[in-house]
Amino acid sequence: MTWEYTQLRFVPKGKSWTGEIEELWLDEKQLISRRHPQHDVTLVGLMNELGQQGWELITYAQPFTGYHGGCYTFKRQIK
């Protein structure tokens, strides 16, 4: 089998999780930035979209750099 991978990286707004996202990237494409907030884009919504496209969540990593946020890695089989 051959796999392809994608990553969803985010920084939440504030110091506690409210569901609001301050920055969000899908691979190298920034979808939400501090200057361009997107109130209609949610982390769960994007994860559901990826699932509908055949992506499977394989890892979650929270960095130890002192900022809140994380990185979800997904894979799907190349047909």
C-alpha atoms as a PDB file:
ATOM      1  CA  MET A   1       0.000   0.000   0.000  1.00  0.00           C
ATOM      2  CA  THR A   2       1.025   3.561  -0.651  1.00  0.00           C
ATOM      3  CA  TRP A   3      -0.111   6.380   1.621  1.00  0.00           C
ATOM      4  CA  GLU A   4      -0.304  10.148   1.383  1.00  0.00           C
ATOM      5  CA  TYR A   5      -0.286  12.389   4.438  1.00  0.00           C
ATOM      6  CA  THR A   6      -1.621  15.811   5.399  1.00  0.00           C
ATOM      7  CA  GLN A   7      -1.340  17.913   8.547  1.00  0.00           C
ATOM      8  CA  LEU A   8      -3.799  20.243  10.241  1.00  0.00           C
ATOM      9  CA  ARG A   9      -1.995  22.638  12.614  1.00  0.00           C
ATOM     10  CA  PHE A  10      -3.679  25.176  14.859  1.00  0.00           C
ATOM     11  CA  VAL A  11      -3.209  27.767  17.585  1.00  0.00           C
ATOM     12  CA  PRO A  12      -6.311  28.445  19.692  1.00  0.00           C
ATOM     13  CA  LYS A  13      -7.385  31.935  20.668  1.00  0.00           C
ATOM     14  CA  GLY A  14      -6.599  32.745  24.292  1.00  0.00           C
ATOM     15  CA  LYS A  15      -5.062  30.597  26.994  1.00  0.00           C
ATOM     16  CA  SER A  16      -7.975  28.180  27.455  1.00  0.00           C
ATOM     17  CA  TRP A  17      -9.873  26.211  24.832  1.00  0.00           C
ATOM     18  CA  THR A  18     -12.993  28.103  23.775  1.00  0.00           C
ATOM     19  CA  GLY A  19     -13.253  26.566  20.322  1.00  0.00           C
ATOM     20  CA  GLU A  20     -12.029  29.758  18.685  1.00  0.00           C
ATOM     21  CA  ILE A  21      -8.966  29.420  16.482  1.00  0.00           C
ATOM     22  CA  GLU A  22      -6.400  32.180  16.078  1.00  0.00           C
ATOM     23  CA  GLU A  23      -4.266  30.476  13.406  1.00  0.00           C
ATOM     24  CA  LEU A  24      -4.880  27.371  11.300  1.00  0.00           C
ATOM     25  CA  TRP A  25      -2.895  25.686   8.520  1.00  0.00           C
ATOM     26  CA  LEU A  26      -3.625  22.727   6.285  1.00  0.00           C
ATOM     27  CA  ASP A  27      -0.166  21.647   5.208  1.00  0.00           C
ATOM     28  CA  GLU A  28       1.467  24.893   4.037  1.00  0.00           C
ATOM     29  CA  LYS A  29      -1.784  26.765   3.334  1.00  0.00           C
ATOM     30  CA  GLN A  30      -2.841  29.141   6.105  1.00  0.00           C
ATOM     31  CA  LEU A  31      -6.643  29.064   6.385  1.00  0.00           C
ATOM     32  CA  ILE A  32      -7.022  31.352   9.421  1.00  0.00           C
ATOM     33  CA  SER A  33      -4.675  34.106  10.547  1.00  0.00           C
ATOM     34  CA  ARG A  34      -4.761  36.779  13.233  1.00  0.00           C
ATOM     35  CA  ARG A  35      -5.363  39.402  10.551  1.00  0.00           C
ATOM     36  CA  HIS A  36      -8.003  37.354   8.726  1.00  0.00           C
ATOM     37  CA  PRO A  37     -10.193  35.534  11.270  1.00  0.00           C
ATOM     38  CA  GLN A  38     -12.744  33.051   9.945  1.00  0.00           C
ATOM     39  CA  HIS A  39     -15.654  32.568  12.313  1.00  0.00           C
ATOM     40  CA  ASP A  40     -17.381  30.008  10.079  1.00  0.00           C
ATOM     41  CA  VAL A  41     -14.362  27.631  10.033  1.00  0.00           C
ATOM     42  CA  THR A  42     -14.067  25.189  12.942  1.00  0.00           C
ATOM     43  CA  LEU A  43     -11.489  22.561  13.782  1.00  0.00           C
ATOM     44  CA  VAL A  44     -14.160  19.852  14.021  1.00  0.00           C
ATOM     45  CA  GLY A  45     -15.720  20.986  10.742  1.00  0.00           C
ATOM     46  CA  LEU A  46     -12.385  20.705   8.932  1.00  0.00           C
ATOM     47  CA  MET A  47     -11.714  17.298  10.492  1.00  0.00           C
ATOM     48  CA  ASN A  48     -15.140  16.107   9.279  1.00  0.00           C
ATOM     49  CA  GLU A  49     -14.358  17.379   5.773  1.00  0.00           C
ATOM     50  CA  LEU A  50     -11.056  15.500   5.766  1.00  0.00           C
ATOM     51  CA  GLY A  51     -12.856  12.341   6.909  1.00  0.00           C
ATOM     52  CA  GLN A  52     -15.359  12.669   4.056  1.00  0.00           C
ATOM     53  CA  GLN A  53     -12.403  12.903   1.659  1.00  0.00           C
ATOM     54  CA  GLY A  54     -11.046   9.582   2.961  1.00  0.00           C
ATOM     55  CA  TRP A  55      -8.453  10.935   5.398  1.00  0.00           C
ATOM     56  CA  GLU A  56      -7.912   9.006   8.649  1.00  0.00           C
ATOM     57  CA  LEU A  57      -6.513  10.657  11.783  1.00  0.00           C
ATOM     58  CA  ILE A  58      -3.314   8.881  12.842  1.00  0.00           C
ATOM     59  CA  THR A  59      -1.573  11.191  15.333  1.00  0.00           C
ATOM     60  CA  TYR A  60      -2.013  14.290  17.439  1.00  0.00           C
ATOM     61  CA  ALA A  61       0.996  16.165  18.759  1.00  0.00           C
ATOM     62  CA  GLN A  62       1.017  19.083  21.142  1.00  0.00           C
ATOM     63  CA  PRO A  63       4.269  21.007  21.009  1.00  0.00           C
ATOM     64  CA  PHE A  64       6.337  21.531  24.123  1.00  0.00           C
ATOM     65  CA  THR A  65       7.255  25.056  23.089  1.00  0.00           C
ATOM     66  CA  GLY A  66       5.002  26.761  25.616  1.00  0.00           C
ATOM     67  CA  TYR A  67       2.244  27.819  23.244  1.00  0.00           C
ATOM     68  CA  HIS A  68      -1.128  26.147  23.098  1.00  0.00           C
ATOM     69  CA  GLY A  69      -2.037  24.393  19.918  1.00  0.00           C
ATOM     70  CA  GLY A  70      -1.381  21.193  18.128  1.00  0.00           C
ATOM     71  CA  CYS A  71      -0.847  19.233  14.984  1.00  0.00           C
ATOM     72  CA  TYR A  72      -3.133  16.519  13.644  1.00  0.00           C
ATOM     73  CA  THR A  73      -1.668  14.160  11.041  1.00  0.00           C
ATOM     74  CA  PHE A  74      -3.962  12.285   8.667  1.00  0.00           C
ATOM     75  CA  LYS A  75      -3.312   9.618   6.035  1.00  0.00           C
ATOM     76  CA  ARG A  76      -5.211   8.047   3.176  1.00  0.00           C
ATOM     77  CA  GLN A  77      -4.383   5.340   0.732  1.00  0.00           C
ATOM     78  CA  ILE A  78      -3.317   6.352  -2.746  1.00  0.00           C
ATOM     79  CA  LYS A  79      -5.348   4.411  -5.281  1.00  0.00           C
END
